[in-house]
Amino acid sequence: MQPILYSFRRCPYAIRARLALAVCQIQVEIIEVSLANKPVQLLTISAKGEVPVLVLEQQVIEQSLDIMKWAFQQKPHPFFIEDPLINQLIQQNDQEFKNHLDHYKYFDRFPDFSQQTYRERAFPFLEKLEQCLQKHSFLYAKQQTWLDLAIVPFIRQFSGVDSLWFEQSKFKKLNDWLQWHLNSPLFQQVMIKRKN
């Protein structure tokens, strides 16, 4: 049985799962999910009903990071490095930064503060990434690692809220890093529009 990945093209969690699967050259059947009309099969398989979900012959993996790690376990790759620093940055991205990103993007749902305030709350994490990129071309080393793959979809989403502002911001290295990834054959491959 070929693995099945329930995905949504623009979801950052699904993007990073697809990136890892593509890097490891693992063939999967991708089912594009309409978030407004989720397929019954997905809701039956996964109680959370959120993408990505990877369905294997004897296992269902419901978290994007677990999908990434599973992919690298199947086909070991130099991208995958175990380091507490990597885990720390991913955790900060998924918890603290993602919260600020959601408030910034959907500021009209959170009227307590302005969109600019929500954007500025994300600066400490962006500054940390900028500092990493001052030291080397990628977030962890001179070469790309799974840390880059895990974080870049979220920076893409953040930049897309106001792309002109992001391009002109103080985060010059981060913007260059983002553009490198967006223009890479790997990223363009996983962002192909699919019809299911």
C-alpha atoms as a PDB file:
ATOM      1  CA  MET A   1       0.000   0.000   0.000  1.00  0.00           C
ATOM      2  CA  GLN A   2       1.352   3.399  -0.977  1.00  0.00           C
ATOM      3  CA  PRO A   3       1.271   5.891   1.920  1.00  0.00           C
ATOM      4  CA  ILE A   4      -1.506   8.474   1.754  1.00  0.00           C
ATOM      5  CA  LEU A   5      -0.914  12.053   2.851  1.00  0.00           C
ATOM      6  CA  TYR A   6      -3.924  14.208   3.612  1.00  0.00           C
ATOM      7  CA  SER A   7      -2.689  17.706   2.938  1.00  0.00           C
ATOM      8  CA  PHE A   8      -3.665  21.306   2.268  1.00  0.00           C
ATOM      9  CA  ARG A   9      -1.398  23.123  -0.142  1.00  0.00           C
ATOM     10  CA  ARG A  10      -0.869  26.346   1.830  1.00  0.00           C
ATOM     11  CA  CYS A  11      -0.858  24.912   5.362  1.00  0.00           C
ATOM     12  CA  PRO A  12       2.658  25.393   6.816  1.00  0.00           C
ATOM     13  CA  TYR A  13       2.453  22.138   8.768  1.00  0.00           C
ATOM     14  CA  ALA A  14       1.515  20.230   5.614  1.00  0.00           C
ATOM     15  CA  ILE A  15       4.201  21.999   3.595  1.00  0.00           C
ATOM     16  CA  ARG A  16       6.975  20.898   5.913  1.00  0.00           C
ATOM     17  CA  ALA A  17       5.686  17.335   5.886  1.00  0.00           C
ATOM     18  CA  ARG A  18       5.707  17.353   2.079  1.00  0.00           C
ATOM     19  CA  LEU A  19       9.208  18.850   2.047  1.00  0.00           C
ATOM     20  CA  ALA A  20      10.607  16.033   4.185  1.00  0.00           C
ATOM     21  CA  LEU A  21       8.864  13.358   2.142  1.00  0.00           C
ATOM     22  CA  ALA A  22      10.173  14.907  -1.075  1.00  0.00           C
ATOM     23  CA  VAL A  23      13.742  15.207   0.229  1.00  0.00           C
ATOM     24  CA  CYS A  24      13.677  11.535   1.183  1.00  0.00           C
ATOM     25  CA  GLN A  25      12.084  10.666  -2.163  1.00  0.00           C
ATOM     26  CA  ILE A  26       9.209   8.838  -0.513  1.00  0.00           C
ATOM     27  CA  GLN A  27       6.310   8.407  -2.903  1.00  0.00           C
ATOM     28  CA  VAL A  28       2.937   9.152  -1.364  1.00  0.00           C
ATOM     29  CA  GLU A  29      -0.565   9.673  -2.673  1.00  0.00           C
ATOM     30  CA  ILE A  30      -1.459  13.253  -1.770  1.00  0.00           C
ATOM     31  CA  ILE A  31      -5.114  13.988  -1.110  1.00  0.00           C
ATOM     32  CA  GLU A  32      -5.793  17.714  -1.111  1.00  0.00           C
ATOM     33  CA  VAL A  33      -8.276  18.507   1.636  1.00  0.00           C
ATOM     34  CA  SER A  34     -10.850  21.270   1.526  1.00  0.00           C
ATOM     35  CA  LEU A  35     -10.808  22.669   5.054  1.00  0.00           C
ATOM     36  CA  ALA A  36     -14.435  23.692   4.672  1.00  0.00           C
ATOM     37  CA  ASN A  37     -15.484  20.211   3.567  1.00  0.00           C
ATOM     38  CA  LYS A  38     -13.170  17.624   5.085  1.00  0.00           C
ATOM     39  CA  PRO A  39     -13.499  14.115   3.657  1.00  0.00           C
ATOM     40  CA  VAL A  40     -15.213  11.518   5.800  1.00  0.00           C
ATOM     41  CA  GLN A  41     -12.207   9.206   5.395  1.00  0.00           C
ATOM     42  CA  LEU A  42      -9.943  11.774   7.070  1.00  0.00           C
ATOM     43  CA  LEU A  43     -12.331  12.317   9.984  1.00  0.00           C
ATOM     44  CA  THR A  44     -12.657   8.564  10.423  1.00  0.00           C
ATOM     45  CA  ILE A  45      -8.904   8.021  10.464  1.00  0.00           C
ATOM     46  CA  SER A  46      -7.978  11.066  12.530  1.00  0.00           C
ATOM     47  CA  ALA A  47     -10.077  12.437  15.366  1.00  0.00           C
ATOM     48  CA  LYS A  48      -8.377  15.840  15.130  1.00  0.00           C
ATOM     49  CA  GLY A  49      -9.300  16.108  11.457  1.00  0.00           C
ATOM     50  CA  GLU A  50      -6.443  18.487  10.710  1.00  0.00           C
ATOM     51  CA  VAL A  51      -3.766  18.184   8.059  1.00  0.00           C
ATOM     52  CA  PRO A  52      -1.260  16.785   7.597  1.00  0.00           C
ATOM     53  CA  VAL A  53      -2.126  13.162   8.300  1.00  0.00           C
ATOM     54  CA  LEU A  54       0.018  10.355   6.911  1.00  0.00           C
ATOM     55  CA  VAL A  55      -1.709   7.000   6.549  1.00  0.00           C
ATOM     56  CA  LEU A  56       0.575   3.970   6.452  1.00  0.00           C
ATOM     57  CA  GLU A  57      -0.350   0.317   6.208  1.00  0.00           C
ATOM     58  CA  GLN A  58      -0.269  -0.222   9.978  1.00  0.00           C
ATOM     59  CA  GLN A  59       0.099   3.279  11.361  1.00  0.00           C
ATOM     60  CA  VAL A  60      -1.422   6.759  11.188  1.00  0.00           C
ATOM     61  CA  ILE A  61       0.878   9.730  11.865  1.00  0.00           C
ATOM     62  CA  GLU A  62      -1.007  12.907  12.747  1.00  0.00           C
ATOM     63  CA  GLN A  63       1.710  15.446  13.575  1.00  0.00           C
ATOM     64  CA  SER A  64       3.872  17.186  10.982  1.00  0.00           C
ATOM     65  CA  LEU A  65       7.114  16.802  12.937  1.00  0.00           C
ATOM     66  CA  ASP A  66       6.438  13.105  13.427  1.00  0.00           C
ATOM     67  CA  ILE A  67       5.887  12.778   9.677  1.00  0.00           C
ATOM     68  CA  MET A  68       9.209  14.522   9.037  1.00  0.00           C
ATOM     69  CA  LYS A  69      11.044  12.246  11.470  1.00  0.00           C
ATOM     70  CA  TRP A  70       9.374   9.159  10.019  1.00  0.00           C
ATOM     71  CA  ALA A  71      10.537  10.157   6.537  1.00  0.00           C
ATOM     72  CA  PHE A  72      14.129  10.589   7.680  1.00  0.00           C
ATOM     73  CA  GLN A  73      13.981   7.243   9.485  1.00  0.00           C
ATOM     74  CA  GLN A  74      12.948   5.505   6.274  1.00  0.00           C
ATOM     75  CA  LYS A  75      15.728   7.051   4.224  1.00  0.00           C
ATOM     76  CA  PRO A  76      18.509   8.550   6.359  1.00  0.00           C
ATOM     77  CA  HIS A  77      19.589  11.909   4.981  1.00  0.00           C
ATOM     78  CA  PRO A  78      22.295  14.446   5.940  1.00  0.00           C
ATOM     79  CA  PHE A  79      19.498  16.989   6.470  1.00  0.00           C
ATOM     80  CA  PHE A  80      18.436  15.242   9.674  1.00  0.00           C
ATOM     81  CA  ILE A  81      20.604  16.230  12.635  1.00  0.00           C
ATOM     82  CA  GLU A  82      19.746  15.597  16.274  1.00  0.00           C
ATOM     83  CA  ASP A  83      20.537  18.660  18.362  1.00  0.00           C
ATOM     84  CA  PRO A  84      18.730  20.306  21.305  1.00  0.00           C
ATOM     85  CA  LEU A  85      19.163  23.695  19.604  1.00  0.00           C
ATOM     86  CA  ILE A  86      17.176  22.494  16.602  1.00  0.00           C
ATOM     87  CA  ASN A  87      14.418  21.135  18.819  1.00  0.00           C
ATOM     88  CA  GLN A  88      14.339  24.381  20.795  1.00  0.00           C
ATOM     89  CA  LEU A  89      13.960  26.564  17.690  1.00  0.00           C
ATOM     90  CA  ILE A  90      11.236  24.345  16.241  1.00  0.00           C
ATOM     91  CA  GLN A  91       9.358  24.348  19.538  1.00  0.00           C
ATOM     92  CA  GLN A  92       9.586  28.144  19.755  1.00  0.00           C
ATOM     93  CA  ASN A  93       8.377  28.388  16.156  1.00  0.00           C
ATOM     94  CA  ASP A  94       5.428  26.068  16.694  1.00  0.00           C
ATOM     95  CA  GLN A  95       4.261  27.586  19.945  1.00  0.00           C
ATOM     96  CA  GLU A  96       5.286  31.196  20.515  1.00  0.00           C
ATOM     97  CA  PHE A  97       5.868  32.380  16.936  1.00  0.00           C
ATOM     98  CA  LYS A  98       2.859  30.602  15.416  1.00  0.00           C
ATOM     99  CA  ASN A  99       0.620  32.268  17.991  1.00  0.00           C
ATOM    100  CA  HIS A 100       1.954  35.720  17.052  1.00  0.00           C
ATOM    101  CA  LEU A 101       1.688  34.836  13.357  1.00  0.00           C
ATOM    102  CA  ASP A 102      -1.987  33.910  13.691  1.00  0.00           C
ATOM    103  CA  HIS A 103      -2.764  37.131  15.565  1.00  0.00           C
ATOM    104  CA  TYR A 104      -0.861  39.168  12.963  1.00  0.00           C
ATOM    105  CA  LYS A 105      -2.508  37.471   9.972  1.00  0.00           C
ATOM    106  CA  TYR A 106      -6.014  37.394  11.427  1.00  0.00           C
ATOM    107  CA  PHE A 107      -5.774  40.597  13.476  1.00  0.00           C
ATOM    108  CA  ASP A 108      -9.420  41.437  12.824  1.00  0.00           C
ATOM    109  CA  ARG A 109     -10.351  38.447  14.989  1.00  0.00           C
ATOM    110  CA  PHE A 110      -8.252  39.817  17.858  1.00  0.00           C
ATOM    111  CA  PRO A 111      -9.305  43.462  18.269  1.00  0.00           C
ATOM    112  CA  ASP A 112      -7.497  44.034  21.573  1.00  0.00           C
ATOM    113  CA  PHE A 113      -4.355  45.214  19.773  1.00  0.00           C
ATOM    114  CA  SER A 114      -3.350  46.540  16.358  1.00  0.00           C
ATOM    115  CA  GLN A 115      -1.946  44.432  13.553  1.00  0.00           C
ATOM    116  CA  GLN A 116       1.383  46.226  13.951  1.00  0.00           C
ATOM    117  CA  THR A 117       1.515  45.289  17.627  1.00  0.00           C
ATOM    118  CA  TYR A 118       0.935  41.634  16.807  1.00  0.00           C
ATOM    119  CA  ARG A 119       3.619  41.814  14.115  1.00  0.00           C
ATOM    120  CA  GLU A 120       6.125  43.319  16.518  1.00  0.00           C
ATOM    121  CA  ARG A 121       5.489  40.573  19.048  1.00  0.00           C
ATOM    122  CA  ALA A 122       6.991  38.155  16.536  1.00  0.00           C
ATOM    123  CA  PHE A 123      10.228  40.165  16.276  1.00  0.00           C
ATOM    124  CA  PRO A 124      12.208  38.361  19.024  1.00  0.00           C
ATOM    125  CA  PHE A 125      11.946  35.055  17.186  1.00  0.00           C
ATOM    126  CA  LEU A 126      12.650  36.641  13.801  1.00  0.00           C
ATOM    127  CA  GLU A 127      15.684  38.378  15.316  1.00  0.00           C
ATOM    128  CA  LYS A 128      16.932  35.048  16.637  1.00  0.00           C
ATOM    129  CA  LEU A 129      16.679  33.543  13.155  1.00  0.00           C
ATOM    130  CA  GLU A 130      18.385  36.592  11.666  1.00  0.00           C
ATOM    131  CA  GLN A 131      21.270  36.097  14.099  1.00  0.00           C
ATOM    132  CA  CYS A 132      21.574  32.453  13.055  1.00  0.00           C
ATOM    133  CA  LEU A 133      21.801  33.527   9.438  1.00  0.00           C
ATOM    134  CA  GLN A 134      24.485  36.095  10.260  1.00  0.00           C
ATOM    135  CA  LYS A 135      26.701  33.148  11.220  1.00  0.00           C
ATOM    136  CA  HIS A 136      26.010  30.847   8.266  1.00  0.00           C
ATOM    137  CA  SER A 137      23.852  30.505   5.163  1.00  0.00           C
ATOM    138  CA  PHE A 138      21.197  28.349   6.819  1.00  0.00           C
ATOM    139  CA  LEU A 139      19.638  28.307  10.279  1.00  0.00           C
ATOM    140  CA  TYR A 140      21.871  25.621  11.761  1.00  0.00           C
ATOM    141  CA  ALA A 141      24.912  25.306   9.539  1.00  0.00           C
ATOM    142  CA  LYS A 142      26.469  26.168   6.201  1.00  0.00           C
ATOM    143  CA  GLN A 143      24.289  23.476   4.677  1.00  0.00           C
ATOM    144  CA  GLN A 144      20.528  23.129   4.703  1.00  0.00           C
ATOM    145  CA  THR A 145      19.055  20.899   7.426  1.00  0.00           C
ATOM    146  CA  TRP A 146      15.603  19.753   8.446  1.00  0.00           C
ATOM    147  CA  LEU A 147      15.426  22.809  10.717  1.00  0.00           C
ATOM    148  CA  ASP A 148      15.170  25.011   7.622  1.00  0.00           C
ATOM    149  CA  LEU A 149      12.457  22.790   6.179  1.00  0.00           C
ATOM    150  CA  ALA A 150      10.501  22.824   9.448  1.00  0.00           C
ATOM    151  CA  ILE A 151      10.502  26.616   9.808  1.00  0.00           C
ATOM    152  CA  VAL A 152      10.462  28.084   6.301  1.00  0.00           C
ATOM    153  CA  PRO A 153       6.718  27.458   5.658  1.00  0.00           C
ATOM    154  CA  PHE A 154       5.851  29.606   8.677  1.00  0.00           C
ATOM    155  CA  ILE A 155       8.166  32.441   7.640  1.00  0.00           C
ATOM    156  CA  ARG A 156       6.598  32.228   4.195  1.00  0.00           C
ATOM    157  CA  GLN A 157       3.171  32.661   5.757  1.00  0.00           C
ATOM    158  CA  PHE A 158       4.357  35.546   7.942  1.00  0.00           C
ATOM    159  CA  SER A 159       5.971  37.354   5.011  1.00  0.00           C
ATOM    160  CA  GLY A 160       2.840  36.919   2.922  1.00  0.00           C
ATOM    161  CA  VAL A 161       0.726  39.020   5.267  1.00  0.00           C
ATOM    162  CA  ASP A 162       2.560  42.122   4.013  1.00  0.00           C
ATOM    163  CA  SER A 163       5.222  41.051   1.550  1.00  0.00           C
ATOM    164  CA  LEU A 164       6.392  44.577   0.759  1.00  0.00           C
ATOM    165  CA  TRP A 165       6.937  45.356   4.436  1.00  0.00           C
ATOM    166  CA  PHE A 166       8.840  42.097   4.944  1.00  0.00           C
ATOM    167  CA  GLU A 167      11.087  42.717   1.938  1.00  0.00           C
ATOM    168  CA  GLN A 168      11.971  46.177   3.258  1.00  0.00           C
ATOM    169  CA  SER A 169      12.291  45.151   6.914  1.00  0.00           C
ATOM    170  CA  LYS A 170      15.457  44.810   8.960  1.00  0.00           C
ATOM    171  CA  PHE A 171      15.360  41.045   8.489  1.00  0.00           C
ATOM    172  CA  LYS A 172      17.572  41.094   5.401  1.00  0.00           C
ATOM    173  CA  LYS A 173      19.264  37.722   5.860  1.00  0.00           C
ATOM    174  CA  LEU A 174      15.955  36.091   6.705  1.00  0.00           C
ATOM    175  CA  ASN A 175      14.347  37.492   3.574  1.00  0.00           C
ATOM    176  CA  ASP A 176      17.225  36.225   1.405  1.00  0.00           C
ATOM    177  CA  TRP A 177      16.971  32.809   3.067  1.00  0.00           C
ATOM    178  CA  LEU A 178      13.224  32.729   2.470  1.00  0.00           C
ATOM    179  CA  GLN A 179      13.561  33.711  -1.189  1.00  0.00           C
ATOM    180  CA  TRP A 180      16.234  31.047  -1.713  1.00  0.00           C
ATOM    181  CA  HIS A 181      13.857  28.402  -0.422  1.00  0.00           C
ATOM    182  CA  LEU A 182      10.819  29.671  -2.337  1.00  0.00           C
ATOM    183  CA  ASN A 183      12.816  29.604  -5.580  1.00  0.00           C
ATOM    184  CA  SER A 184      14.324  26.182  -4.961  1.00  0.00           C
ATOM    185  CA  PRO A 185      13.169  23.242  -7.133  1.00  0.00           C
ATOM    186  CA  LEU A 186      12.295  21.333  -3.944  1.00  0.00           C
ATOM    187  CA  PHE A 187       9.886  23.983  -2.682  1.00  0.00           C
ATOM    188  CA  GLN A 188       8.323  24.529  -6.080  1.00  0.00           C
ATOM    189  CA  GLN A 189       7.828  20.779  -6.406  1.00  0.00           C
ATOM    190  CA  VAL A 190       5.866  20.459  -3.158  1.00  0.00           C
ATOM    191  CA  MET A 191       3.754  23.552  -3.926  1.00  0.00           C
ATOM    192  CA  ILE A 192       2.342  22.247  -7.207  1.00  0.00           C
ATOM    193  CA  LYS A 193      -1.432  22.671  -7.284  1.00  0.00           C
ATOM    194  CA  ARG A 194      -3.282  19.376  -7.233  1.00  0.00           C
ATOM    195  CA  LYS A 195      -6.834  18.407  -8.016  1.00  0.00           C
ATOM    196  CA  ASN A 196      -8.433  15.562  -6.080  1.00  0.00           C
END
